[in-house]
C-alpha cells in the first residue's frame, strides 16, 4: 500500500481557481444559448402571420389565375405585410409563382405551381 503524504491532501488555490473559471465559462455559455432561443421564439408570431399571408395569396392565385390583379399589401394580426409575386413559366407548362410576404419584423416565402391556361 502506498502511504499518502501530508501535502497530497486537499485542493490548492490554483486548482480551485481553475474550477471556478470552468464553471463560469459554462454558465456564460448556457445564458447565451437561453438568450438566443428567446430571440428566435420572439419572432415566431410574425413569421406565422407572414406564412399565412403568403398561403392566402397562393390560394387567391389558384382561384383567379397567375395574372390576377391583387392588392400588394394585406393586414394580419395588426401587422401590414407587403406581398410580392414573381411568375416564371416552367418547361412542363405550369407557372411557378414565388410569393414573398414581408413586414418590418419578418417575412416568409411560398412557392406554388399553377396551371398556365387560366
N, C-alpha and C. Protein backbone atom coordinates (compact mmCIF):
# COMPACT_ATOMS: atom_id res chain seq x y z
N UNK A 1 0.83 -1.18 0.00
CA UNK A 1 0.00 0.00 0.00
C UNK A 1 0.87 1.24 0.00
N UNK A 2 0.33 2.20 -0.64
CA UNK A 2 1.05 3.47 -0.74
C UNK A 2 0.61 4.40 0.38
N UNK A 3 1.53 5.02 0.97
CA UNK A 3 1.20 5.97 2.03
C UNK A 3 1.04 7.35 1.42
N UNK A 4 0.01 8.04 1.86
CA UNK A 4 -0.23 9.40 1.37
C UNK A 4 0.62 10.37 2.15
N UNK A 5 1.17 11.28 1.41
CA UNK A 5 1.93 12.34 2.07
C UNK A 5 0.97 13.41 2.54
N UNK A 6 1.40 14.17 3.45
CA UNK A 6 0.54 15.21 4.02
C UNK A 6 0.19 16.28 2.98
N UNK A 7 1.10 16.55 2.05
CA UNK A 7 0.85 17.61 1.07
C UNK A 7 -0.09 17.16 -0.05
N UNK A 8 -0.43 15.87 -0.21
CA UNK A 8 -1.34 15.38 -1.23
C UNK A 8 -2.81 15.60 -0.85
N UNK A 9 -3.09 16.00 0.33
CA UNK A 9 -4.48 16.13 0.76
C UNK A 9 -5.02 17.52 0.44
N UNK A 10 -6.30 17.59 -0.06
CA UNK A 10 -6.96 18.86 -0.29
C UNK A 10 -6.65 19.48 -1.64
N UNK A 11 -7.21 20.67 -1.88
CA UNK A 11 -7.05 21.41 -3.12
C UNK A 11 -6.12 22.59 -2.93
N UNK A 12 -5.41 22.90 -3.99
CA UNK A 12 -4.59 24.11 -3.93
C UNK A 12 -5.43 25.28 -4.44
N UNK A 13 -4.94 26.44 -4.22
CA UNK A 13 -5.64 27.64 -4.66
C UNK A 13 -5.74 27.70 -6.19
N UNK A 14 -4.73 27.23 -6.89
CA UNK A 14 -4.74 27.23 -8.36
C UNK A 14 -5.82 26.29 -8.88
N UNK A 15 -5.92 25.10 -8.29
CA UNK A 15 -6.95 24.14 -8.71
C UNK A 15 -8.35 24.71 -8.48
N UNK A 16 -8.55 25.37 -7.39
CA UNK A 16 -9.83 25.99 -7.10
C UNK A 16 -10.15 27.10 -8.09
N UNK A 17 -9.17 27.91 -8.45
CA UNK A 17 -9.37 28.99 -9.42
C UNK A 17 -9.71 28.42 -10.79
N UNK A 18 -9.07 27.35 -11.20
CA UNK A 18 -9.37 26.72 -12.49
C UNK A 18 -10.79 26.17 -12.49
N UNK A 19 -11.20 25.55 -11.40
CA UNK A 19 -12.56 25.00 -11.31
C UNK A 19 -13.60 26.12 -11.41
N UNK A 20 -13.37 27.22 -10.73
CA UNK A 20 -14.30 28.36 -10.80
C UNK A 20 -14.34 28.93 -12.20
N UNK A 21 -13.20 29.01 -12.87
CA UNK A 21 -13.14 29.52 -14.24
C UNK A 21 -13.94 28.63 -15.19
N UNK A 22 -13.78 27.33 -15.08
CA UNK A 22 -14.51 26.39 -15.95
C UNK A 22 -16.02 26.51 -15.71
N UNK A 23 -16.43 26.57 -14.47
CA UNK A 23 -17.86 26.71 -14.16
C UNK A 23 -18.43 28.03 -14.67
N UNK A 24 -17.67 29.10 -14.57
CA UNK A 24 -18.17 30.39 -15.04
C UNK A 24 -18.29 30.41 -16.56
N UNK A 25 -17.36 29.81 -17.27
CA UNK A 25 -17.46 29.75 -18.74
C UNK A 25 -18.68 28.92 -19.15
N UNK A 26 -18.91 27.81 -18.47
CA UNK A 26 -20.11 27.00 -18.75
C UNK A 26 -21.39 27.75 -18.47
N UNK A 27 -21.43 28.52 -17.41
CA UNK A 27 -22.63 29.31 -17.08
C UNK A 27 -22.88 30.39 -18.11
N UNK A 28 -21.84 31.05 -18.56
CA UNK A 28 -22.00 32.10 -19.58
C UNK A 28 -22.51 31.49 -20.88
N UNK A 29 -22.00 30.33 -21.27
CA UNK A 29 -22.47 29.67 -22.50
C UNK A 29 -23.94 29.30 -22.39
N UNK A 30 -24.36 28.81 -21.23
CA UNK A 30 -25.78 28.45 -21.04
C UNK A 30 -26.67 29.68 -21.10
N UNK A 31 -26.24 30.78 -20.50
CA UNK A 31 -27.04 32.01 -20.54
C UNK A 31 -27.15 32.57 -21.96
N UNK A 32 -26.08 32.51 -22.73
CA UNK A 32 -26.13 33.00 -24.11
C UNK A 32 -27.06 32.14 -24.96
N UNK A 33 -27.05 30.83 -24.77
CA UNK A 33 -27.93 29.94 -25.51
C UNK A 33 -29.39 30.22 -25.16
N UNK A 34 -29.66 30.46 -23.91
CA UNK A 34 -31.03 30.78 -23.48
C UNK A 34 -31.49 32.09 -24.10
N UNK A 35 -30.63 33.09 -24.12
CA UNK A 35 -30.98 34.38 -24.71
C UNK A 35 -31.22 34.25 -26.20
N UNK A 36 -30.41 33.46 -26.90
CA UNK A 36 -30.59 33.28 -28.33
C UNK A 36 -31.92 32.58 -28.63
N UNK A 37 -32.29 31.59 -27.85
CA UNK A 37 -33.56 30.91 -28.07
C UNK A 37 -34.73 31.85 -27.79
N UNK A 38 -34.59 32.74 -26.84
CA UNK A 38 -35.64 33.72 -26.57
C UNK A 38 -35.84 34.64 -27.77
N UNK A 39 -34.76 35.05 -28.39
CA UNK A 39 -34.85 35.92 -29.56
C UNK A 39 -35.53 35.20 -30.72
N UNK A 40 -35.17 33.94 -30.93
CA UNK A 40 -35.76 33.17 -32.03
C UNK A 40 -37.25 32.94 -31.80
N UNK A 41 -37.62 32.58 -30.60
CA UNK A 41 -39.03 32.34 -30.30
C UNK A 41 -39.84 33.63 -30.40
N UNK A 42 -39.24 34.73 -30.06
CA UNK A 42 -39.95 36.01 -30.09
C UNK A 42 -40.44 36.42 -31.47
N UNK A 43 -39.78 36.01 -32.53
CA UNK A 43 -40.19 36.38 -33.88
C UNK A 43 -41.12 35.38 -34.53
N UNK A 44 -41.51 34.33 -33.82
CA UNK A 44 -42.31 33.28 -34.45
C UNK A 44 -43.72 33.76 -34.81
N UNK A 45 -44.29 34.68 -34.05
CA UNK A 45 -45.64 35.17 -34.36
C UNK A 45 -45.65 35.91 -35.69
N UNK A 46 -44.67 36.75 -35.92
CA UNK A 46 -44.59 37.49 -37.18
C UNK A 46 -44.38 36.55 -38.34
N UNK A 47 -43.49 35.57 -38.18
CA UNK A 47 -43.27 34.61 -39.26
C UNK A 47 -44.53 33.81 -39.56
N UNK A 48 -45.28 33.44 -38.53
CA UNK A 48 -46.52 32.69 -38.74
C UNK A 48 -47.53 33.51 -39.53
N UNK A 49 -47.69 34.78 -39.17
CA UNK A 49 -48.60 35.64 -39.91
C UNK A 49 -48.13 35.83 -41.36
N UNK A 50 -46.82 35.94 -41.55
CA UNK A 50 -46.29 36.10 -42.91
C UNK A 50 -46.56 34.85 -43.73
N UNK A 51 -46.42 33.67 -43.13
CA UNK A 51 -46.71 32.43 -43.84
C UNK A 51 -48.18 32.34 -44.20
N UNK A 52 -49.05 32.76 -43.31
CA UNK A 52 -50.49 32.75 -43.59
C UNK A 52 -50.81 33.69 -44.73
N UNK A 53 -50.22 34.89 -44.72
CA UNK A 53 -50.47 35.86 -45.79
C UNK A 53 -50.00 35.31 -47.14
N UNK A 54 -48.83 34.67 -47.17
CA UNK A 54 -48.32 34.11 -48.42
C UNK A 54 -49.18 32.95 -48.90
N UNK A 55 -49.63 32.09 -47.99
CA UNK A 55 -50.51 30.98 -48.38
C UNK A 55 -51.86 31.48 -48.87
N UNK A 56 -52.38 32.51 -48.22
CA UNK A 56 -53.64 33.09 -48.69
C UNK A 56 -53.51 33.63 -50.11
N UNK A 57 -52.38 34.29 -50.39
CA UNK A 57 -52.16 34.81 -51.73
C UNK A 57 -52.06 33.66 -52.74
N UNK A 58 -51.42 32.56 -52.34
CA UNK A 58 -51.32 31.40 -53.23
C UNK A 58 -52.70 30.84 -53.54
N UNK A 59 -53.58 30.78 -52.55
CA UNK A 59 -54.93 30.28 -52.77
C UNK A 59 -55.72 31.22 -53.68
N UNK A 60 -55.53 32.54 -53.51
CA UNK A 60 -56.18 33.50 -54.41
C UNK A 60 -55.72 33.29 -55.84
N UNK A 61 -54.44 33.03 -56.02
CA UNK A 61 -53.90 32.80 -57.37
C UNK A 61 -54.42 31.50 -57.96
N UNK A 62 -54.64 30.49 -57.12
CA UNK A 62 -55.22 29.24 -57.61
C UNK A 62 -56.64 29.46 -58.12
N UNK A 63 -57.38 30.32 -57.43
CA UNK A 63 -58.76 30.60 -57.84
C UNK A 63 -58.85 31.55 -59.03
N UNK A 64 -58.03 32.61 -59.04
CA UNK A 64 -58.17 33.67 -60.03
C UNK A 64 -57.14 33.60 -61.15
N UNK A 65 -56.13 32.78 -61.02
CA UNK A 65 -55.10 32.66 -62.04
C UNK A 65 -53.88 33.50 -61.72
N UNK A 66 -52.75 33.16 -62.35
CA UNK A 66 -51.49 33.83 -62.02
C UNK A 66 -51.42 35.29 -62.45
N UNK A 67 -52.27 35.70 -63.35
CA UNK A 67 -52.22 37.10 -63.81
C UNK A 67 -53.27 37.97 -63.14
N UNK A 68 -53.86 37.51 -62.04
CA UNK A 68 -54.89 38.29 -61.35
C UNK A 68 -54.28 39.56 -60.76
N UNK A 69 -55.08 40.62 -60.77
CA UNK A 69 -54.66 41.90 -60.21
C UNK A 69 -55.09 41.95 -58.75
N UNK A 70 -54.16 41.70 -57.84
CA UNK A 70 -54.46 41.62 -56.41
C UNK A 70 -53.71 42.72 -55.67
N UNK A 71 -54.20 43.12 -54.48
CA UNK A 71 -53.52 44.19 -53.73
C UNK A 71 -52.11 43.77 -53.32
N UNK A 72 -51.23 44.75 -53.20
CA UNK A 72 -49.84 44.47 -52.88
C UNK A 72 -49.57 44.40 -51.38
N UNK A 73 -50.55 44.69 -50.54
CA UNK A 73 -50.35 44.58 -49.09
C UNK A 73 -51.62 44.08 -48.42
N UNK A 74 -51.42 43.36 -47.32
CA UNK A 74 -52.54 42.87 -46.51
C UNK A 74 -52.19 43.10 -45.04
N UNK A 75 -53.22 43.12 -44.20
CA UNK A 75 -53.01 43.30 -42.76
C UNK A 75 -53.52 42.05 -42.05
N UNK A 76 -52.64 41.46 -41.25
CA UNK A 76 -52.98 40.28 -40.44
C UNK A 76 -52.43 40.49 -39.04
N UNK A 77 -53.24 40.26 -38.04
CA UNK A 77 -52.78 40.36 -36.66
C UNK A 77 -52.23 41.73 -36.31
N UNK A 78 -52.76 42.77 -36.93
CA UNK A 78 -52.30 44.12 -36.65
C UNK A 78 -51.00 44.48 -37.35
N UNK A 79 -50.50 43.62 -38.22
CA UNK A 79 -49.26 43.87 -38.95
C UNK A 79 -49.57 43.95 -40.44
N UNK A 80 -48.91 44.86 -41.12
CA UNK A 80 -49.08 45.01 -42.56
C UNK A 80 -47.96 44.27 -43.27
N UNK A 81 -48.33 43.43 -44.22
CA UNK A 81 -47.36 42.64 -44.99
C UNK A 81 -47.41 43.07 -46.45
N UNK A 82 -46.24 43.36 -47.00
CA UNK A 82 -46.10 43.65 -48.42
C UNK A 82 -45.94 42.33 -49.14
N UNK A 83 -46.77 42.11 -50.16
CA UNK A 83 -46.73 40.86 -50.91
C UNK A 83 -46.14 41.11 -52.29
N UNK A 84 -45.14 40.33 -52.63
CA UNK A 84 -44.52 40.39 -53.95
C UNK A 84 -44.70 39.04 -54.61
N UNK A 85 -44.93 39.06 -55.91
CA UNK A 85 -45.17 37.84 -56.65
C UNK A 85 -44.29 37.82 -57.88
N UNK A 86 -43.57 36.73 -58.07
CA UNK A 86 -42.70 36.57 -59.23
C UNK A 86 -43.13 35.32 -59.98
N UNK A 87 -43.61 35.48 -61.22
CA UNK A 87 -44.09 34.35 -62.01
C UNK A 87 -43.04 33.93 -63.03
N UNK A 88 -42.93 32.62 -63.20
CA UNK A 88 -41.98 32.06 -64.15
C UNK A 88 -42.63 30.83 -64.79
N UNK A 89 -42.61 30.75 -66.11
CA UNK A 89 -43.19 29.61 -66.80
C UNK A 89 -42.19 28.45 -66.79
N UNK A 90 -42.68 27.27 -66.43
CA UNK A 90 -41.81 26.09 -66.37
C UNK A 90 -41.86 25.33 -67.69
N UNK A 91 -40.94 24.39 -67.85
CA UNK A 91 -40.90 23.57 -69.07
C UNK A 91 -42.11 22.66 -69.17
N UNK A 92 -42.73 22.34 -68.05
CA UNK A 92 -43.89 21.46 -68.03
C UNK A 92 -45.20 22.17 -68.31
N UNK A 93 -45.17 23.46 -68.58
CA UNK A 93 -46.39 24.19 -68.89
C UNK A 93 -47.10 24.78 -67.69
N UNK A 94 -46.44 24.83 -66.56
CA UNK A 94 -47.03 25.44 -65.37
C UNK A 94 -46.40 26.81 -65.14
N UNK A 95 -47.02 27.57 -64.25
CA UNK A 95 -46.45 28.84 -63.83
C UNK A 95 -45.97 28.66 -62.40
N UNK A 96 -44.66 28.87 -62.20
CA UNK A 96 -44.09 28.83 -60.85
C UNK A 96 -44.21 30.23 -60.28
N UNK A 97 -45.02 30.37 -59.25
CA UNK A 97 -45.25 31.67 -58.64
C UNK A 97 -44.57 31.69 -57.27
N UNK A 98 -43.59 32.57 -57.13
CA UNK A 98 -42.88 32.74 -55.86
C UNK A 98 -43.48 33.94 -55.15
N UNK A 99 -44.05 33.70 -53.99
CA UNK A 99 -44.74 34.75 -53.23
C UNK A 99 -43.90 35.08 -52.01
N UNK A 100 -43.61 36.36 -51.82
CA UNK A 100 -42.84 36.84 -50.67
C UNK A 100 -43.73 37.77 -49.85
N UNK A 101 -43.87 37.47 -48.58
CA UNK A 101 -44.62 38.32 -47.65
C UNK A 101 -43.63 38.92 -46.67
N UNK A 102 -43.54 40.26 -46.63
CA UNK A 102 -42.56 40.93 -45.77
C UNK A 102 -43.25 41.96 -44.89
N UNK A 103 -42.78 42.06 -43.66
CA UNK A 103 -43.18 43.15 -42.77
C UNK A 103 -41.90 43.73 -42.19
N UNK A 104 -42.04 44.69 -41.29
CA UNK A 104 -40.86 45.28 -40.68
C UNK A 104 -40.15 44.31 -39.74
N UNK A 105 -40.88 43.31 -39.23
CA UNK A 105 -40.30 42.40 -38.25
C UNK A 105 -39.98 41.00 -38.77
N UNK A 106 -40.35 40.69 -40.00
CA UNK A 106 -40.06 39.35 -40.51
C UNK A 106 -40.80 39.09 -41.80
N UNK A 107 -40.68 37.89 -42.31
CA UNK A 107 -41.33 37.57 -43.56
C UNK A 107 -41.34 36.08 -43.82
N UNK A 108 -41.87 35.74 -45.02
CA UNK A 108 -41.96 34.34 -45.42
C UNK A 108 -41.95 34.26 -46.93
N UNK A 109 -41.57 33.09 -47.43
CA UNK A 109 -41.52 32.81 -48.85
C UNK A 109 -42.36 31.58 -49.11
N UNK A 110 -43.17 31.62 -50.18
CA UNK A 110 -44.04 30.50 -50.51
C UNK A 110 -44.02 30.31 -52.01
N UNK A 111 -43.91 29.07 -52.47
CA UNK A 111 -43.87 28.79 -53.90
C UNK A 111 -45.05 27.89 -54.24
N UNK A 112 -45.77 28.25 -55.31
CA UNK A 112 -46.91 27.46 -55.75
C UNK A 112 -46.81 27.31 -57.28
N UNK A 113 -47.23 26.15 -57.78
CA UNK A 113 -47.26 25.89 -59.22
C UNK A 113 -48.71 25.94 -59.68
N UNK A 114 -48.95 26.75 -60.69
CA UNK A 114 -50.31 26.99 -61.17
C UNK A 114 -50.42 26.57 -62.63
N UNK A 115 -51.64 26.14 -63.05
CA UNK A 115 -51.83 25.84 -64.48
C UNK A 115 -51.65 27.10 -65.31
N UNK A 116 -51.07 26.95 -66.48
CA UNK A 116 -50.76 28.11 -67.33
C UNK A 116 -52.00 28.70 -68.00
N UNK A 117 -53.00 27.88 -68.31
CA UNK A 117 -54.12 28.29 -69.15
C UNK A 117 -55.26 28.98 -68.40
N UNK A 118 -54.99 29.76 -67.41
CA UNK A 118 -56.07 30.47 -66.70
C UNK A 118 -56.08 31.91 -67.09
